Each structure stands twice: as C-alpha cells, then as structure tokens.
Amino acid sequence: MRRIIALLILVIPGFLAGYGIKLMRDMTFGILQSPIPFLWLQFLLGLILFIGGLGFVAGFIFHRDRKRNKVQTRFSNTKK
C-alpha cells in the first residue's frame, strides 16, 4: 500500500509537468486554451507547472537517495 501511495505522489506532479509542457508548446504554435485569456499568461502558467512538477519529482528522488546513502559525499547529510 505504501508503494502505491508513493507512486501516486510521483505521478500527479508528473502529469502537472506534462500539462505545463503542453501549455508552453501550444503557446509556441499560437493555440490559446479557453480558460486562459492571454498567450503570455498561458506560457507562464505552463512554465510554473513544469518547474514545480519537475522540482517535486527531483526532490522526492533526491530525498530518497540521500536517506539510502546513494548520493555523493558533498550532498550527503552529515548531521545525524
């Protein structure tokens, strides 16, 4: 059960990052999504979603690897 919850925690930000890429791509081709009034706002929202989703997944993986001592010494947690 814990692994399913962990998978869901990673999948939801992954989908948000994917939707952010879609919004940025649509802005590049001039396709305006209906709830967003401006193309620049669509790109900014897509960029925020992408960076947020990617950062969450990267932080989750980094925290897990740090806990298992699989990171370089400069990233390891020296305080115990």
PDB file of N, CA and C in Angstrom:
ATOM      1  N   MET A   1       0.820  -1.191   0.000  1.00  0.00           N
ATOM      2  CA  MET A   1       0.000   0.000   0.000  1.00  0.00           C
ATOM      3  C   MET A   1       0.869   1.263   0.000  1.00  0.00           C
ATOM      4  N   ARG A   2       2.001   1.210   0.718  1.00  0.00           N
ATOM      5  CA  ARG A   2       2.864   2.383   0.769  1.00  0.00           C
ATOM      6  C   ARG A   2       3.460   2.691  -0.602  1.00  0.00           C
ATOM      7  N   ARG A   3       3.767   1.651  -1.357  1.00  0.00           N
ATOM      8  CA  ARG A   3       4.345   1.879  -2.689  1.00  0.00           C
ATOM      9  C   ARG A   3       3.334   2.494  -3.647  1.00  0.00           C
ATOM     10  N   ILE A   4       2.088   2.125  -3.522  1.00  0.00           N
ATOM     11  CA  ILE A   4       1.043   2.704  -4.371  1.00  0.00           C
ATOM     12  C   ILE A   4       0.876   4.182  -4.053  1.00  0.00           C
ATOM     13  N   ILE A   5       0.884   4.510  -2.774  1.00  0.00           N
ATOM     14  CA  ILE A   5       0.774   5.918  -2.381  1.00  0.00           C
ATOM     15  C   ILE A   5       1.983   6.703  -2.874  1.00  0.00           C
ATOM     16  N   ALA A   6       3.173   6.127  -2.751  1.00  0.00           N
ATOM     17  CA  ALA A   6       4.383   6.795  -3.242  1.00  0.00           C
ATOM     18  C   ALA A   6       4.325   6.987  -4.757  1.00  0.00           C
ATOM     19  N   LEU A   7       3.800   6.003  -5.453  1.00  0.00           N
ATOM     20  CA  LEU A   7       3.653   6.132  -6.908  1.00  0.00           C
ATOM     21  C   LEU A   7       2.684   7.255  -7.256  1.00  0.00           C
ATOM     22  N   LEU A   8       1.575   7.340  -6.551  1.00  0.00           N
ATOM     23  CA  LEU A   8       0.613   8.421  -6.799  1.00  0.00           C
ATOM     24  C   LEU A   8       1.221   9.784  -6.486  1.00  0.00           C
ATOM     25  N   ILE A   9       2.032   9.842  -5.443  1.00  0.00           N
ATOM     26  CA  ILE A   9       2.680  11.104  -5.099  1.00  0.00           C
ATOM     27  C   ILE A   9       3.609  11.557  -6.219  1.00  0.00           C
ATOM     28  N   LEU A  10       4.204  10.616  -6.931  1.00  0.00           N
ATOM     29  CA  LEU A  10       5.087  10.972  -8.038  1.00  0.00           C
ATOM     30  C   LEU A  10       4.353  11.182  -9.358  1.00  0.00           C
ATOM     31  N   VAL A  11       3.241  10.478  -9.565  1.00  0.00           N
ATOM     32  CA  VAL A  11       2.538  10.555 -10.847  1.00  0.00           C
ATOM     33  C   VAL A  11       1.795  11.883 -11.001  1.00  0.00           C
ATOM     34  N   ILE A  12       1.174  12.367  -9.938  1.00  0.00           N
ATOM     35  CA  ILE A  12       0.392  13.599 -10.040  1.00  0.00           C
ATOM     36  C   ILE A  12       1.267  14.794 -10.434  1.00  0.00           C
ATOM     37  N   PRO A  13       2.411  15.055  -9.776  1.00  0.00           N
ATOM     38  CA  PRO A  13       3.266  16.146 -10.260  1.00  0.00           C
ATOM     39  C   PRO A  13       3.834  15.878 -11.652  1.00  0.00           C
ATOM     40  N   GLY A  14       4.021  14.610 -11.998  1.00  0.00           N
ATOM     41  CA  GLY A  14       4.480  14.284 -13.348  1.00  0.00           C
ATOM     42  C   GLY A  14       3.459  14.687 -14.403  1.00  0.00           C
ATOM     43  N   PHE A  15       2.188  14.437 -14.125  1.00  0.00           N
ATOM     44  CA  PHE A  15       1.135  14.872 -15.043  1.00  0.00           C
ATOM     45  C   PHE A  15       1.055  16.395 -15.115  1.00  0.00           C
ATOM     46  N   LEU A  16       1.226  17.065 -13.980  1.00  0.00           N
ATOM     47  CA  LEU A  16       1.212  18.530 -13.992  1.00  0.00           C
ATOM     48  C   LEU A  16       2.361  19.083 -14.828  1.00  0.00           C
ATOM     49  N   ALA A  17       3.532  18.472 -14.726  1.00  0.00           N
ATOM     50  CA  ALA A  17       4.674  18.903 -15.534  1.00  0.00           C
ATOM     51  C   ALA A  17       4.399  18.659 -17.020  1.00  0.00           C
ATOM     52  N   GLY A  18       3.787  17.532 -17.336  1.00  0.00           N
ATOM     53  CA  GLY A  18       3.428  17.248 -18.726  1.00  0.00           C
ATOM     54  C   GLY A  18       2.416  18.233 -19.273  1.00  0.00           C
ATOM     55  N   TYR A  19       1.445  18.604 -18.444  1.00  0.00           N
ATOM     56  CA  TYR A  19       0.451  19.605 -18.865  1.00  0.00           C
ATOM     57  C   TYR A  19       1.110  20.971 -19.046  1.00  0.00           C
ATOM     58  N   GLY A  20       2.106  21.265 -18.212  1.00  0.00           N
ATOM     59  CA  GLY A  20       2.847  22.508 -18.372  1.00  0.00           C
ATOM     60  C   GLY A  20       3.597  22.550 -19.695  1.00  0.00           C
ATOM     61  N   ILE A  21       4.197  21.427 -20.081  1.00  0.00           N
ATOM     62  CA  ILE A  21       4.873  21.358 -21.383  1.00  0.00           C
ATOM     63  C   ILE A  21       3.868  21.558 -22.510  1.00  0.00           C
ATOM     64  N   LYS A  22       2.682  20.972 -22.364  1.00  0.00           N
ATOM     65  CA  LYS A  22       1.644  21.118 -23.386  1.00  0.00           C
ATOM     66  C   LYS A  22       1.211  22.581 -23.522  1.00  0.00           C
ATOM     67  N   LEU A  23       1.049  23.270 -22.389  1.00  0.00           N
ATOM     68  CA  LEU A  23       0.658  24.676 -22.440  1.00  0.00           C
ATOM     69  C   LEU A  23       1.730  25.529 -23.107  1.00  0.00           C
ATOM     70  N   MET A  24       2.990  25.250 -22.804  1.00  0.00           N
ATOM     71  CA  MET A  24       4.076  26.016 -23.430  1.00  0.00           C
ATOM     72  C   MET A  24       4.162  25.720 -24.929  1.00  0.00           C
ATOM     73  N   ARG A  25       3.965  24.465 -25.294  1.00  0.00           N
ATOM     74  CA  ARG A  25       4.009  24.102 -26.713  1.00  0.00           C
ATOM     75  C   ARG A  25       2.853  24.762 -27.471  1.00  0.00           C
ATOM     76  N   ASP A  26       1.658  24.754 -26.874  1.00  0.00           N
ATOM     77  CA  ASP A  26       0.514  25.390 -27.526  1.00  0.00           C
ATOM     78  C   ASP A  26       0.727  26.891 -27.687  1.00  0.00           C
ATOM     79  N   MET A  27       1.379  27.517 -26.726  1.00  0.00           N
ATOM     80  CA  MET A  27       1.664  28.942 -26.850  1.00  0.00           C
ATOM     81  C   MET A  27       2.627  29.198 -28.000  1.00  0.00           C
ATOM     82  N   THR A  28       3.603  28.298 -28.175  1.00  0.00           N
ATOM     83  CA  THR A  28       4.571  28.452 -29.262  1.00  0.00           C
ATOM     84  C   THR A  28       3.880  28.417 -30.625  1.00  0.00           C
ATOM     85  N   PHE A  29       2.859  27.578 -30.759  1.00  0.00           N
ATOM     86  CA  PHE A  29       2.136  27.476 -32.023  1.00  0.00           C
ATOM     87  C   PHE A  29       0.923  28.391 -32.084  1.00  0.00           C
ATOM     88  N   GLY A  30       0.708  29.214 -31.065  1.00  0.00           N
ATOM     89  CA  GLY A  30      -0.374  30.194 -31.077  1.00  0.00           C
ATOM     90  C   GLY A  30      -1.738  29.620 -30.776  1.00  0.00           C
ATOM     91  N   ILE A  31      -1.822  28.506 -30.086  1.00  0.00           N
ATOM     92  CA  ILE A  31      -3.103  27.892 -29.724  1.00  0.00           C
ATOM     93  C   ILE A  31      -3.445  28.333 -28.310  1.00  0.00           C
ATOM     94  N   LEU A  32      -4.509  29.082 -28.167  1.00  0.00           N
ATOM     95  CA  LEU A  32      -4.915  29.615 -26.871  1.00  0.00           C
ATOM     96  C   LEU A  32      -5.933  28.681 -26.232  1.00  0.00           C
ATOM     97  N   GLN A  33      -5.657  28.258 -25.009  1.00  0.00           N
ATOM     98  CA  GLN A  33      -6.592  27.407 -24.269  1.00  0.00           C
ATOM     99  C   GLN A  33      -7.719  28.281 -23.726  1.00  0.00           C
ATOM    100  N   SER A  34      -8.906  27.718 -23.588  1.00  0.00           N
ATOM    101  CA  SER A  34     -10.091  28.511 -23.288  1.00  0.00           C
ATOM    102  C   SER A  34     -10.095  29.238 -21.941  1.00  0.00           C
ATOM    103  N   PRO A  35      -9.666  28.681 -20.816  1.00  0.00           N
ATOM    104  CA  PRO A  35      -9.789  29.470 -19.587  1.00  0.00           C
ATOM    105  C   PRO A  35      -8.708  30.540 -19.422  1.00  0.00           C
ATOM    106  N   ILE A  36      -7.688  30.531 -20.262  1.00  0.00           N
ATOM    107  CA  ILE A  36      -6.567  31.467 -20.123  1.00  0.00           C
ATOM    108  C   ILE A  36      -6.721  32.561 -21.177  1.00  0.00           C
ATOM    109  N   PRO A  37      -6.764  33.834 -20.759  1.00  0.00           N
ATOM    110  CA  PRO A  37      -7.067  34.901 -21.731  1.00  0.00           C
ATOM    111  C   PRO A  37      -5.907  35.342 -22.617  1.00  0.00           C
ATOM    112  N   PHE A  38      -4.653  35.150 -22.204  1.00  0.00           N
ATOM    113  CA  PHE A  38      -3.504  35.649 -22.958  1.00  0.00           C
ATOM    114  C   PHE A  38      -2.490  34.544 -23.196  1.00  0.00           C
ATOM    115  N   LEU A  39      -1.795  34.621 -24.323  1.00  0.00           N
ATOM    116  CA  LEU A  39      -0.777  33.620 -24.636  1.00  0.00           C
ATOM    117  C   LEU A  39       0.400  33.692 -23.672  1.00  0.00           C
ATOM    118  N   TRP A  40       0.824  34.892 -23.309  1.00  0.00           N
ATOM    119  CA  TRP A  40       1.950  35.013 -22.392  1.00  0.00           C
ATOM    120  C   TRP A  40       1.614  34.442 -21.023  1.00  0.00           C
ATOM    121  N   LEU A  41       0.360  34.596 -20.599  1.00  0.00           N
ATOM    122  CA  LEU A  41      -0.073  34.022 -19.328  1.00  0.00           C
ATOM    123  C   LEU A  41      -0.117  32.497 -19.397  1.00  0.00           C
ATOM    124  N   GLN A  42      -0.502  31.981 -20.553  1.00  0.00           N
ATOM    125  CA  GLN A  42      -0.511  30.537 -20.761  1.00  0.00           C
ATOM    126  C   GLN A  42       0.902  29.978 -20.681  1.00  0.00           C
ATOM    127  N   PHE A  43       1.853  30.666 -21.293  1.00  0.00           N
ATOM    128  CA  PHE A  43       3.234  30.211 -21.228  1.00  0.00           C
ATOM    129  C   PHE A  43       3.769  30.273 -19.805  1.00  0.00           C
ATOM    130  N   LEU A  44       3.468  31.346 -19.091  1.00  0.00           N
ATOM    131  CA  LEU A  44       3.931  31.492 -17.717  1.00  0.00           C
ATOM    132  C   LEU A  44       3.335  30.419 -16.814  1.00  0.00           C
ATOM    133  N   LEU A  45       2.059  30.131 -16.973  1.00  0.00           N
ATOM    134  CA  LEU A  45       1.414  29.072 -16.194  1.00  0.00           C
ATOM    135  C   LEU A  45       2.027  27.708 -16.525  1.00  0.00           C
ATOM    136  N   GLY A  46       2.285  27.463 -17.791  1.00  0.00           N
ATOM    137  CA  GLY A  46       2.931  26.213 -18.198  1.00  0.00           C
ATOM    138  C   GLY A  46       4.327  26.079 -17.636  1.00  0.00           C
ATOM    139  N   LEU A  47       5.076  27.173 -17.616  1.00  0.00           N
ATOM    140  CA  LEU A  47       6.426  27.146 -17.069  1.00  0.00           C
ATOM    141  C   LEU A  47       6.404  26.872 -15.564  1.00  0.00           C
ATOM    142  N   ILE A  48       5.470  27.489 -14.861  1.00  0.00           N
ATOM    143  CA  ILE A  48       5.346  27.262 -13.420  1.00  0.00           C
ATOM    144  C   ILE A  48       4.965  25.814 -13.136  1.00  0.00           C
ATOM    145  N   LEU A  49       4.017  25.273 -13.898  1.00  0.00           N
ATOM    146  CA  LEU A  49       3.619  23.879 -13.699  1.00  0.00           C
ATOM    147  C   LEU A  49       4.777  22.925 -13.996  1.00  0.00           C
ATOM    148  N   PHE A  50       5.505  23.199 -15.061  1.00  0.00           N
ATOM    149  CA  PHE A  50       6.622  22.335 -15.426  1.00  0.00           C
ATOM    150  C   PHE A  50       7.724  22.357 -14.370  1.00  0.00           C
ATOM    151  N   ILE A  51       8.131  23.544 -13.961  1.00  0.00           N
ATOM    152  CA  ILE A  51       9.210  23.648 -12.974  1.00  0.00           C
ATOM    153  C   ILE A  51       8.766  23.078 -11.633  1.00  0.00           C
ATOM    154  N   GLY A  52       7.519  23.335 -11.244  1.00  0.00           N
ATOM    155  CA  GLY A  52       7.018  22.795  -9.982  1.00  0.00           C
ATOM    156  C   GLY A  52       6.945  21.280  -9.978  1.00  0.00           C
ATOM    157  N   GLY A  53       6.404  20.705 -11.037  1.00  0.00           N
ATOM    158  CA  GLY A  53       6.300  19.249 -11.123  1.00  0.00           C
ATOM    159  C   GLY A  53       7.648  18.574 -11.190  1.00  0.00           C
ATOM    160  N   LEU A  54       8.534  19.113 -12.008  1.00  0.00           N
ATOM    161  CA  LEU A  54       9.876  18.549 -12.135  1.00  0.00           C
ATOM    162  C   LEU A  54      10.653  18.688 -10.829  1.00  0.00           C
ATOM    163  N   GLY A  55      10.531  19.824 -10.186  1.00  0.00           N
ATOM    164  CA  GLY A  55      11.224  20.034  -8.916  1.00  0.00           C
ATOM    165  C   GLY A  55      10.730  19.107  -7.829  1.00  0.00           C
ATOM    166  N   PHE A  56       9.421  18.847  -7.802  1.00  0.00           N
ATOM    167  CA  PHE A  56       8.880  17.942  -6.789  1.00  0.00           C
ATOM    168  C   PHE A  56       9.386  16.525  -6.989  1.00  0.00           C
ATOM    169  N   VAL A  57       9.352  16.049  -8.222  1.00  0.00           N
ATOM    170  CA  VAL A  57       9.829  14.689  -8.504  1.00  0.00           C
ATOM    171  C   VAL A  57      11.325  14.585  -8.224  1.00  0.00           C
ATOM    172  N   ALA A  58      12.100  15.581  -8.628  1.00  0.00           N
ATOM    173  CA  ALA A  58      13.542  15.553  -8.386  1.00  0.00           C
ATOM    174  C   ALA A  58      13.850  15.598  -6.893  1.00  0.00           C
ATOM    175  N   GLY A  59      13.126  16.412  -6.152  1.00  0.00           N
ATOM    176  CA  GLY A  59      13.336  16.478  -4.715  1.00  0.00           C
ATOM    177  C   GLY A  59      12.967  15.188  -4.019  1.00  0.00           C
ATOM    178  N   PHE A  60      11.910  14.557  -4.485  1.00  0.00           N
ATOM    179  CA  PHE A  60      11.494  13.270  -3.909  1.00  0.00           C
ATOM    180  C   PHE A  60      12.571  12.213  -4.118  1.00  0.00           C
ATOM    181  N   ILE A  61      13.099  12.135  -5.334  1.00  0.00           N
ATOM    182  CA  ILE A  61      14.143  11.152  -5.638  1.00  0.00           C
ATOM    183  C   ILE A  61      15.426  11.481  -4.878  1.00  0.00           C
ATOM    184  N   PHE A  62      15.780  12.757  -4.782  1.00  0.00           N
ATOM    185  CA  PHE A  62      16.990  13.150  -4.056  1.00  0.00           C
ATOM    186  C   PHE A  62      16.859  12.821  -2.568  1.00  0.00           C
ATOM    187  N   HIS A  63      15.707  13.075  -1.986  1.00  0.00           N
ATOM    188  CA  HIS A  63      15.486  12.761  -0.571  1.00  0.00           C
ATOM    189  C   HIS A  63      15.591  11.257  -0.327  1.00  0.00           C
ATOM    190  N   ARG A  64      15.004  10.477  -1.224  1.00  0.00           N
ATOM    191  CA  ARG A  64      15.068   9.020  -1.083  1.00  0.00           C
ATOM    192  C   ARG A  64      16.508   8.510  -1.191  1.00  0.00           C
ATOM    193  N   ASP A  65      17.252   9.030  -2.159  1.00  0.00           N
ATOM    194  CA  ASP A  65      18.642   8.593  -2.327  1.00  0.00           C
ATOM    195  C   ASP A  65      19.523   9.049  -1.178  1.00  0.00           C
ATOM    196  N   ARG A  66      19.249  10.229  -0.649  1.00  0.00           N
ATOM    197  CA  ARG A  66      20.027  10.700   0.495  1.00  0.00           C
ATOM    198  C   ARG A  66      19.764   9.821   1.715  1.00  0.00           C
ATOM    199  N   LYS A  67      18.532   9.401   1.877  1.00  0.00           N
ATOM    200  CA  LYS A  67      18.184   8.540   3.003  1.00  0.00           C
ATOM    201  C   LYS A  67      18.883   7.181   2.902  1.00  0.00           C
ATOM    202  N   ARG A  68      19.089   6.697   1.693  1.00  0.00           N
ATOM    203  CA  ARG A  68      19.736   5.399   1.469  1.00  0.00           C
ATOM    204  C   ARG A  68      21.241   5.509   1.239  1.00  0.00           C
ATOM    205  N   ASN A  69      21.802   6.694   1.445  1.00  0.00           N
ATOM    206  CA  ASN A  69      23.233   6.967   1.276  1.00  0.00           C
ATOM    207  C   ASN A  69      23.724   6.622  -0.128  1.00  0.00           C
ATOM    208  N   LYS A  70      22.987   7.038  -1.143  1.00  0.00           N
ATOM    209  CA  LYS A  70      23.383   6.782  -2.530  1.00  0.00           C
ATOM    210  C   LYS A  70      23.731   8.062  -3.266  1.00  0.00           C
ATOM    211  N   VAL A  71      24.083   9.111  -2.528  1.00  0.00           N
ATOM    212  CA  VAL A  71      24.463  10.372  -3.158  1.00  0.00           C
ATOM    213  C   VAL A  71      25.948  10.619  -2.931  1.00  0.00           C
ATOM    214  N   GLN A  72      26.499  11.578  -3.649  1.00  0.00           N
ATOM    215  CA  GLN A  72      27.902  11.920  -3.473  1.00  0.00           C
ATOM    216  C   GLN A  72      28.115  12.491  -2.072  1.00  0.00           C
ATOM    217  N   THR A  73      29.368  12.511  -1.642  1.00  0.00           N
ATOM    218  CA  THR A  73      29.655  12.943  -0.275  1.00  0.00           C
ATOM    219  C   THR A  73      29.291  14.410  -0.049  1.00  0.00           C
ATOM    220  N   ARG A  74      29.375  15.241  -1.060  1.00  0.00           N
ATOM    221  CA  ARG A  74      29.042  16.648  -0.854  1.00  0.00           C
ATOM    222  C   ARG A  74      27.540  16.863  -0.659  1.00  0.00           C
ATOM    223  N   PHE A  75      26.702  15.913  -1.088  1.00  0.00           N
ATOM    224  CA  PHE A  75      25.272  16.011  -0.891  1.00  0.00           C
ATOM    225  C   PHE A  75      24.777  15.207   0.297  1.00  0.00           C
ATOM    226  N   SER A  76      25.659  14.433   0.900  1.00  0.00           N
ATOM    227  CA  SER A  76      25.206  13.574   1.993  1.00  0.00           C
ATOM    228  C   SER A  76      24.900  14.407   3.221  1.00  0.00           C
ATOM    229  N   ASN A  77      23.996  13.883   4.019  1.00  0.00           N
ATOM    230  CA  ASN A  77      23.577  14.573   5.230  1.00  0.00           C
ATOM    231  C   ASN A  77      24.565  14.226   6.334  1.00  0.00           C
ATOM    232  N   THR A  78      25.414  15.187   6.715  1.00  0.00           N
ATOM    233  CA  THR A  78      26.446  14.920   7.708  1.00  0.00           C
ATOM    234  C   THR A  78      25.900  14.976   9.121  1.00  0.00           C
ATOM    235  N   LYS A  79      24.801  15.673   9.334  1.00  0.00           N
ATOM    236  CA  LYS A  79      24.206  15.754  10.669  1.00  0.00           C
ATOM    237  C   LYS A  79      23.352  14.516  10.914  1.00  0.00           C
ATOM    238  N   LYS A  80      23.453  13.950  12.079  1.00  0.00           N
ATOM    239  CA  LYS A  80      22.638  12.769  12.396  1.00  0.00           C
ATOM    240  C   LYS A  80      21.857  13.010  13.649  1.00  0.00           C
TER     241      LYS A  80
END
